[in-house]
Amino acid sequence: MSAKPARLAILISGRGSNMQAFIEAVERGTLNADISLVASNNPDAAGLELAARAGIDTSVVNHRDYDSREAFDAALAARIERTGADLVILAGFMRILTSVFITAFSGRLLNIHPSLLPKYPGLNTHQRALDAGDTEAGVTVHFVTEELDGGPPILQARVPIEAGDTADSLARRVIVEEHKIYPLAARWFIQGRLRLTDQGALLDGEKIPATGIPFRPDLT
């Protein structure tokens, strides 16, 4: 892509901590983007106020106002399309999207999931890792496809599980890594280095491993 800032739409359902990481990356100049819209299905999402305070346009598309998931997804997609978004970021957006939405933004729709995919798709990932006796947990950024949490991984960060960890203590350490890797994956996309193909996710023309690129602090 050109040096012109990319237009981002960020979807949230709650406090928006990953959204805040994107806001800070834009402010630091490490992400060449304008956040054109922060939208939520939840009118009480705390992240909406944070976005508004940062001068970002916000919108509520309440799923309770629609008779079907498809109707909700179509309305949400139409709202995003009005911004001309180049990339759509799911940042704690707690809705399972239908093909109506996923097709509209195919290849430019990213999600972050708090596990080392393909392990533990779905909810309660940290407790599941603890219950299984795993020695590490982590987080994955991936392209979104119609398979829940099953799109091609892009980046993974790992966090050791320590003696005495709870789901909450583990989540606090994992979220630190989330805020590092999600803006980085978006930067690669904006730079034209990252794309989704029929063969999977490619970075600089090379196929990304099935579990994503392992995060290192020196990755740029």
Protein backbone atom coordinates (compact mmCIF):
# COMPACT_ATOMS: atom_id res chain seq x y z
CA MET A 1 0.00 0.00 0.00
CA SER A 2 1.00 3.63 -0.41
CA ALA A 3 2.29 5.93 2.31
CA LYS A 4 -1.23 7.29 2.73
CA PRO A 5 -2.55 6.19 6.15
CA ALA A 6 -4.73 3.10 6.02
CA ARG A 7 -8.27 3.40 7.30
CA LEU A 8 -9.05 1.06 10.17
CA ALA A 9 -12.38 0.02 11.63
CA ILE A 10 -12.17 -1.56 15.08
CA LEU A 11 -14.98 -3.66 16.54
CA ILE A 12 -15.33 -4.05 20.30
CA SER A 13 -17.81 -5.42 22.81
CA GLY A 14 -16.18 -4.36 26.08
CA ARG A 15 -13.40 -2.25 27.52
CA GLY A 16 -11.33 -2.11 24.36
CA SER A 17 -7.82 -2.73 25.69
CA ASN A 18 -6.56 -3.90 22.31
CA MET A 19 -8.29 -0.94 20.70
CA GLN A 20 -6.30 1.29 23.06
CA ALA A 21 -3.10 -0.43 21.91
CA PHE A 22 -3.98 0.54 18.34
CA ILE A 23 -4.72 4.13 19.35
CA GLU A 24 -1.32 4.35 21.04
CA ALA A 25 0.48 2.78 18.07
CA VAL A 26 -1.06 5.38 15.75
CA GLU A 27 -0.14 8.19 18.15
CA ARG A 28 3.47 6.92 18.39
CA GLY A 29 3.74 6.79 14.62
CA THR A 30 4.50 3.05 14.56
CA LEU A 31 1.25 2.32 12.69
CA ASN A 32 0.54 4.32 9.54
CA ALA A 33 -3.21 4.40 9.99
CA ASP A 34 -6.25 6.45 10.82
CA ILE A 35 -8.85 4.78 13.00
CA SER A 36 -11.95 5.75 11.04
CA LEU A 37 -14.47 4.00 13.27
CA VAL A 38 -14.85 2.13 16.53
CA ALA A 39 -18.12 0.21 16.50
CA SER A 40 -19.76 -2.02 19.07
CA ASN A 41 -22.73 -4.32 19.38
CA ASN A 42 -22.91 -3.32 23.06
CA PRO A 43 -24.16 0.21 23.80
CA ASP A 44 -22.53 0.02 27.25
CA ALA A 45 -19.06 -0.96 26.02
CA ALA A 46 -16.54 1.06 28.01
CA GLY A 47 -14.25 1.27 24.99
CA LEU A 48 -16.70 3.54 23.18
CA GLU A 49 -16.02 6.33 25.65
CA LEU A 50 -12.27 5.81 25.36
CA ALA A 51 -12.49 6.06 21.58
CA ALA A 52 -14.67 9.16 21.69
CA ARG A 53 -12.19 10.81 24.07
CA ALA A 54 -9.48 10.11 21.50
CA GLY A 55 -11.54 11.92 18.86
CA ILE A 56 -12.54 8.75 16.99
CA ASP A 57 -15.95 8.33 15.39
CA THR A 58 -17.98 5.71 17.28
CA SER A 59 -21.10 3.78 16.42
CA VAL A 60 -23.40 1.27 18.12
CA VAL A 61 -25.04 -1.43 16.03
CA ASN A 62 -26.96 -3.34 18.69
CA HIS A 63 -27.48 -6.98 17.77
CA ARG A 64 -30.66 -7.00 19.86
CA ASP A 65 -32.28 -4.71 17.29
CA TYR A 66 -32.12 -7.37 14.56
CA ASP A 67 -34.16 -10.50 13.96
CA SER A 68 -31.22 -12.60 12.75
CA ARG A 69 -27.45 -12.78 12.88
CA GLU A 70 -27.35 -12.21 9.13
CA ALA A 71 -29.41 -9.01 9.37
CA PHE A 72 -27.16 -7.70 12.14
CA ASP A 73 -24.02 -8.56 10.20
CA ALA A 74 -25.35 -6.85 7.06
CA ALA A 75 -26.10 -3.66 9.00
CA LEU A 76 -22.69 -3.70 10.68
CA ALA A 77 -20.94 -4.31 7.36
CA ALA A 78 -22.83 -1.41 5.76
CA ARG A 79 -21.76 0.90 8.59
CA ILE A 80 -18.12 -0.08 8.16
CA GLU A 81 -18.22 0.16 4.37
CA ARG A 82 -19.28 3.81 4.65
CA THR A 83 -15.87 4.54 6.20
CA GLY A 84 -13.97 2.98 3.30
CA ALA A 85 -12.03 0.84 5.77
CA ASP A 86 -8.95 -0.90 4.40
CA LEU A 87 -8.69 -3.25 7.39
CA VAL A 88 -11.19 -4.42 10.00
CA ILE A 89 -9.88 -5.29 13.47
CA LEU A 90 -11.84 -7.50 15.86
CA ALA A 91 -10.74 -6.43 19.33
CA GLY A 92 -12.75 -8.33 21.89
CA PHE A 93 -15.80 -8.40 19.64
CA MET A 94 -17.97 -11.08 21.21
CA ARG A 95 -20.12 -12.06 18.27
CA ILE A 96 -19.75 -15.05 15.97
CA LEU A 97 -19.82 -13.52 12.50
CA THR A 98 -21.72 -15.03 9.59
CA SER A 99 -20.60 -15.39 5.99
CA VAL A 100 -22.51 -12.16 5.23
CA PHE A 101 -19.88 -10.18 7.12
CA ILE A 102 -16.84 -12.36 6.53
CA THR A 103 -17.33 -12.35 2.76
CA ALA A 104 -17.69 -8.56 2.71
CA PHE A 105 -14.24 -8.12 4.28
CA SER A 106 -12.48 -11.28 3.15
CA GLY A 107 -8.71 -10.96 3.33
CA ARG A 108 -8.85 -7.75 5.38
CA LEU A 109 -10.39 -8.98 8.61
CA LEU A 110 -8.16 -9.80 11.60
CA ASN A 111 -8.88 -11.26 15.02
CA ILE A 112 -6.88 -11.92 18.16
CA HIS A 113 -7.53 -15.02 20.23
CA PRO A 114 -6.08 -15.71 23.70
CA SER A 115 -4.65 -19.15 23.08
CA LEU A 116 -1.97 -20.85 21.04
CA LEU A 117 -4.27 -21.84 18.20
CA PRO A 118 -5.21 -24.42 17.09
CA LYS A 119 -5.41 -25.24 20.81
CA TYR A 120 -8.45 -23.95 22.65
CA PRO A 121 -10.69 -22.16 20.18
CA GLY A 122 -13.71 -20.56 21.80
CA LEU A 123 -14.04 -19.33 25.38
CA ASN A 124 -12.30 -19.84 28.75
CA THR A 125 -8.96 -20.45 27.09
CA HIS A 126 -6.72 -19.72 30.08
CA GLN A 127 -8.63 -22.00 32.43
CA ARG A 128 -8.60 -24.74 29.82
CA ALA A 129 -4.80 -24.44 29.50
CA LEU A 130 -4.46 -24.66 33.29
CA ASP A 131 -6.82 -27.62 33.54
CA ALA A 132 -4.83 -29.46 30.86
CA GLY A 133 -1.58 -29.00 32.78
CA ASP A 134 0.02 -27.01 29.96
CA THR A 135 3.39 -25.39 30.62
CA GLU A 136 2.65 -22.34 28.48
CA ALA A 137 -0.23 -20.29 27.16
CA GLY A 138 -0.36 -17.44 24.71
CA VAL A 139 -2.16 -15.50 22.04
CA THR A 140 -2.64 -15.71 18.28
CA VAL A 141 -3.44 -13.08 15.66
CA HIS A 142 -5.14 -14.64 12.65
CA PHE A 143 -7.13 -13.88 9.54
CA VAL A 144 -10.85 -14.44 10.00
CA THR A 145 -12.57 -17.11 7.94
CA GLU A 146 -15.88 -18.88 8.38
CA GLU A 147 -14.26 -21.46 10.68
CA LEU A 148 -14.51 -20.14 14.25
CA ASP A 149 -11.01 -19.17 15.43
CA GLY A 150 -9.75 -21.28 12.53
CA GLY A 151 -8.44 -18.74 10.02
CA PRO A 152 -4.75 -18.82 9.07
CA PRO A 153 -2.55 -17.71 11.99
CA ILE A 154 -0.21 -14.76 11.50
CA LEU A 155 1.61 -14.19 14.81
CA GLN A 156 1.82 -16.05 18.12
CA ALA A 157 3.27 -14.96 21.45
CA ARG A 158 3.91 -17.48 24.24
CA VAL A 159 3.74 -16.97 27.99
CA PRO A 160 5.03 -19.54 30.51
CA ILE A 161 2.50 -20.85 33.00
CA GLU A 162 3.84 -20.35 36.51
CA ALA A 163 3.14 -22.29 39.70
CA GLY A 164 0.06 -20.90 41.37
CA ASP A 165 -1.29 -19.24 38.23
CA THR A 166 -5.01 -18.63 37.98
CA ALA A 167 -6.93 -17.84 34.82
CA ASP A 168 -6.88 -14.17 35.85
CA SER A 169 -3.16 -13.98 36.58
CA LEU A 170 -2.39 -15.74 33.32
CA ALA A 171 -4.73 -13.43 31.40
CA ARG A 172 -2.92 -10.38 32.80
CA ARG A 173 0.40 -11.58 31.39
CA VAL A 174 -1.04 -12.70 28.07
CA ILE A 175 -2.72 -9.36 27.43
CA VAL A 176 0.65 -7.60 27.60
CA GLU A 177 1.71 -9.73 24.64
CA GLU A 178 -1.59 -9.10 22.84
CA HIS A 179 -0.86 -5.38 22.82
CA LYS A 180 2.52 -6.03 21.17
CA ILE A 181 1.57 -8.46 18.43
CA TYR A 182 -1.78 -7.15 17.22
CA PRO A 183 -0.59 -3.73 16.00
CA LEU A 184 2.48 -5.44 14.50
CA ALA A 185 0.34 -7.77 12.38
CA ALA A 186 -1.76 -4.81 11.26
CA ARG A 187 1.41 -2.92 10.34
CA TRP A 188 2.51 -5.79 8.09
CA PHE A 189 -0.88 -5.71 6.36
CA ILE A 190 -0.79 -1.94 5.89
CA GLN A 191 2.72 -2.16 4.45
CA GLY A 192 1.46 -4.64 1.85
CA ARG A 193 3.65 -7.41 3.27
CA LEU A 194 0.85 -9.56 4.70
CA ARG A 195 -1.97 -11.07 2.68
CA LEU A 196 -4.41 -13.93 2.64
CA THR A 197 -4.38 -16.30 -0.33
CA ASP A 198 -5.87 -19.67 -1.21
CA GLN A 199 -2.60 -21.18 0.09
CA GLY A 200 -2.94 -19.46 3.47
CA ALA A 201 -1.36 -16.37 5.01
CA LEU A 202 1.76 -15.01 3.31
CA LEU A 203 4.33 -12.58 4.68
CA ASP A 204 6.74 -11.09 2.14
CA GLY A 205 5.55 -13.76 -0.29
CA GLU A 206 6.46 -16.65 2.03
CA LYS A 207 3.83 -18.91 3.55
CA ILE A 208 3.44 -18.37 7.28
CA PRO A 209 3.76 -21.55 9.40
CA ALA A 210 0.55 -23.26 10.48
CA THR A 211 0.92 -21.95 14.03
CA GLY A 212 1.94 -18.44 12.99
CA ILE A 213 5.23 -16.58 13.24
CA PRO A 214 6.70 -16.79 16.76
CA PHE A 215 6.86 -13.29 18.21
CA ARG A 216 10.25 -11.83 19.05
CA PRO A 217 10.85 -8.30 20.33
CA ASP A 218 13.07 -7.54 17.32
CA LEU A 219 10.35 -8.29 14.74
CA THR A 220 9.46 -5.26 12.65
